[in-house]
Structures are given as structure tokens and as C-alpha cells.
Protein backbone atom coordinates (compact mmCIF):
# COMPACT_ATOMS: atom_id res chain seq x y z
CA UNK A 1 105.03 91.17 108.37
CA UNK A 2 102.72 94.15 108.87
CA UNK A 3 100.77 95.46 105.89
CA UNK A 4 98.50 98.43 106.56
CA UNK A 5 95.69 99.02 104.08
CA UNK A 6 93.93 102.35 103.88
CA UNK A 7 90.43 103.05 102.59
CA UNK A 8 87.74 105.70 102.67
CA UNK A 9 89.24 108.33 100.40
CA UNK A 10 86.90 110.14 98.03
CA UNK A 11 86.19 113.39 96.24
CA UNK A 12 84.14 115.85 98.29
CA UNK A 13 83.29 119.52 98.30
CA UNK A 14 84.76 121.96 100.77
CA UNK A 15 83.03 121.69 104.12
CA UNK A 16 82.36 118.00 103.68
CA UNK A 17 83.47 115.06 105.79
CA UNK A 18 85.20 111.74 105.29
CA UNK A 19 86.28 108.87 107.48
CA UNK A 20 89.44 107.04 106.57
CA UNK A 21 90.24 103.57 107.84
CA UNK A 22 93.58 101.82 108.32
CA UNK A 23 93.61 98.09 108.87
CA UNK A 24 96.91 96.50 109.79
CA UNK A 25 97.02 92.73 109.59
CA UNK A 26 99.77 90.91 111.33
CA UNK A 27 100.21 87.56 112.96
CA UNK A 28 101.35 89.53 115.98
CA UNK A 29 98.19 91.66 116.21
CA UNK A 30 98.32 95.34 115.45
CA UNK A 31 102.10 95.55 115.59
CA UNK A 32 103.74 98.70 116.94
CA UNK A 33 101.97 100.62 119.64
CA UNK A 34 101.85 103.84 117.64
CA UNK A 35 99.98 104.39 114.38
CA UNK A 36 99.79 107.58 112.40
CA UNK A 37 98.01 109.18 109.50
CA UNK A 38 100.11 111.14 107.04
CA UNK A 39 99.44 112.84 103.75
CA UNK A 40 101.35 113.81 100.67
CA UNK A 41 100.27 116.17 97.94
CA UNK A 42 101.93 116.12 94.50
CA UNK A 43 105.32 117.76 94.67
CA UNK A 44 105.19 118.03 98.44
CA UNK A 45 106.91 116.11 101.21
CA UNK A 46 104.94 113.68 103.33
CA UNK A 47 103.54 115.39 106.40
CA UNK A 48 102.04 114.09 109.61
CA UNK A 49 98.36 114.60 110.32
CA UNK A 50 97.60 112.65 113.50
CA UNK A 51 99.05 109.85 115.57
CA UNK A 52 97.69 107.58 118.27
CA UNK A 53 98.95 105.14 120.85
CA UNK A 54 96.81 102.05 120.26
CA UNK A 55 97.27 100.92 123.86
CA UNK A 56 95.48 103.85 125.53
CA UNK A 57 94.21 106.07 122.74
CA UNK A 58 96.46 109.04 123.49
CA UNK A 59 96.52 111.08 120.32
CA UNK A 60 98.37 113.99 118.76
CA UNK A 61 97.50 116.30 115.88
CA UNK A 62 99.22 118.63 113.49
CA UNK A 63 98.18 122.26 113.67
CA UNK A 64 96.21 121.91 110.43
CA UNK A 65 94.25 118.94 111.80
CA UNK A 66 93.43 120.25 115.27
CA UNK A 67 89.74 120.93 115.74
CA UNK A 68 88.74 119.33 112.42
CA UNK A 69 90.17 115.80 112.42
CA UNK A 70 89.84 113.02 114.99
CA UNK A 71 91.97 109.89 115.13
CA UNK A 72 90.62 106.84 116.93
CA UNK A 73 91.23 103.12 117.09
CA UNK A 74 89.36 99.85 117.44
CA UNK A 75 91.86 97.30 118.64
CA UNK A 76 89.41 94.41 118.23
CA UNK A 77 89.26 95.22 114.52
CA UNK A 78 92.95 96.19 114.20
CA UNK A 79 91.71 99.44 112.72
CA UNK A 80 92.66 103.08 113.15
CA UNK A 81 90.27 105.74 111.84
CA UNK A 82 90.69 109.34 110.80
CA UNK A 83 87.47 111.34 110.93
CA UNK A 84 87.86 114.49 108.87
CA UNK A 85 85.34 117.32 109.09
CA UNK A 86 85.11 120.75 107.50
CA UNK A 87 87.45 119.65 104.73
CA UNK A 88 89.31 122.32 102.78
CA UNK A 89 90.86 122.24 99.31
CA UNK A 90 94.30 122.31 100.94
CA UNK A 91 93.49 118.93 102.53
CA UNK A 92 93.69 117.38 99.07
CA UNK A 93 96.40 114.70 99.16
CA UNK A 94 97.03 111.01 99.26
CA UNK A 95 96.62 109.84 102.84
CA UNK A 96 98.83 107.11 104.23
CA UNK A 97 98.79 105.01 107.36
CA UNK A 98 102.13 104.31 108.95
CA UNK A 99 103.32 102.33 111.93
CA UNK A 100 106.03 103.58 114.26
CA UNK A 101 109.16 101.53 113.74
CA UNK A 102 112.06 103.63 115.01
CA UNK A 103 113.61 102.76 118.35
CA UNK A 104 112.54 105.28 120.94
CA UNK A 105 109.85 106.78 118.68
CA UNK A 106 107.95 109.80 119.97
CA UNK A 107 104.64 108.98 118.24
CA UNK A 108 104.21 112.55 117.06
CA UNK A 109 102.96 113.70 113.65
CA UNK A 110 106.07 115.83 113.13
CA UNK A 111 108.37 112.81 113.42
CA UNK A 112 107.60 111.26 110.02
CA UNK A 113 111.01 109.58 110.02
CA UNK A 114 109.92 107.37 112.95
CA UNK A 115 107.28 105.65 110.82
CA UNK A 116 107.41 102.85 108.30
CA UNK A 117 105.35 99.94 106.96
CA UNK A 118 103.45 102.38 104.80
CA UNK A 119 100.21 101.35 103.19
CA UNK A 120 99.40 102.12 99.54
CA UNK A 121 97.39 105.19 100.56
CA UNK A 122 93.93 106.50 99.76
CA UNK A 123 93.19 109.63 97.75
CA UNK A 124 91.28 112.55 99.23
CA UNK A 125 90.25 115.34 96.88
CA UNK A 126 88.45 118.42 98.14
CA UNK A 127 86.98 120.84 95.63
CA UNK A 128 86.04 124.44 96.36
């Protein structure tokens, strides 16, 4: 069974930076080839932020994340990171790590329905 665990969330001021980490432990290694970061604000649906193929590092970003966020992975540590710079109040949300589980997944942030094995999340709060 795969159980991602997120960490790194905090309260920061606008313009600040954070690095989130997602560790997925499994007897099979990292599990699915595609891992994504998603976020959900109160009263909002879960939205994709960035995704990455752990095999070769190919990554994809939502429009709101492009130019500010960077997703990366360390396969030796079974860890996927999300580096977030120039944070804005609208980035405030609980951030979740998910693993692609759907057959034929596209590994794109907009395909939230392709992901499962959600971690408990980590809270990011950005104040103006």
C-alpha cells in the first residue's frame, strides 16, 4: 500500500517562499510513475498545481504555478518536492500529494480525477 506524507507547509507573507515535500513509502518503491501536487482552499474544489513523471522528471504546471513553482523529485529518497516562490495570498490552501492511479493517466495537473492515494496534506497560508 502506498501512503504519501506531505510536509513543509507554513504561514508566510506574500512574496515569500516555501518548499513542500512528499514522501511515498511503499514496498514496491515509489509506486506509480506520476506524482502530482494539488491544493484545496476552503469551499473550493481540489485543483492541480504541478505533476511530474518520476522516471525522467518531465513536469507540467497549472497556469497559476508557471514561473513561480518548481516540482522536482529525488527517487533515491522517494520524495517529490514543490518549490514555491513569490507566494501570493491566493496560494493559501491545503496542499496534497497524489499518485496517478487511473489506467491511461495523462499526468497533467488538470486531470485531478486520475490521481489517488492522497496524503493528509500540509497547510500553506500566505498573508498580504
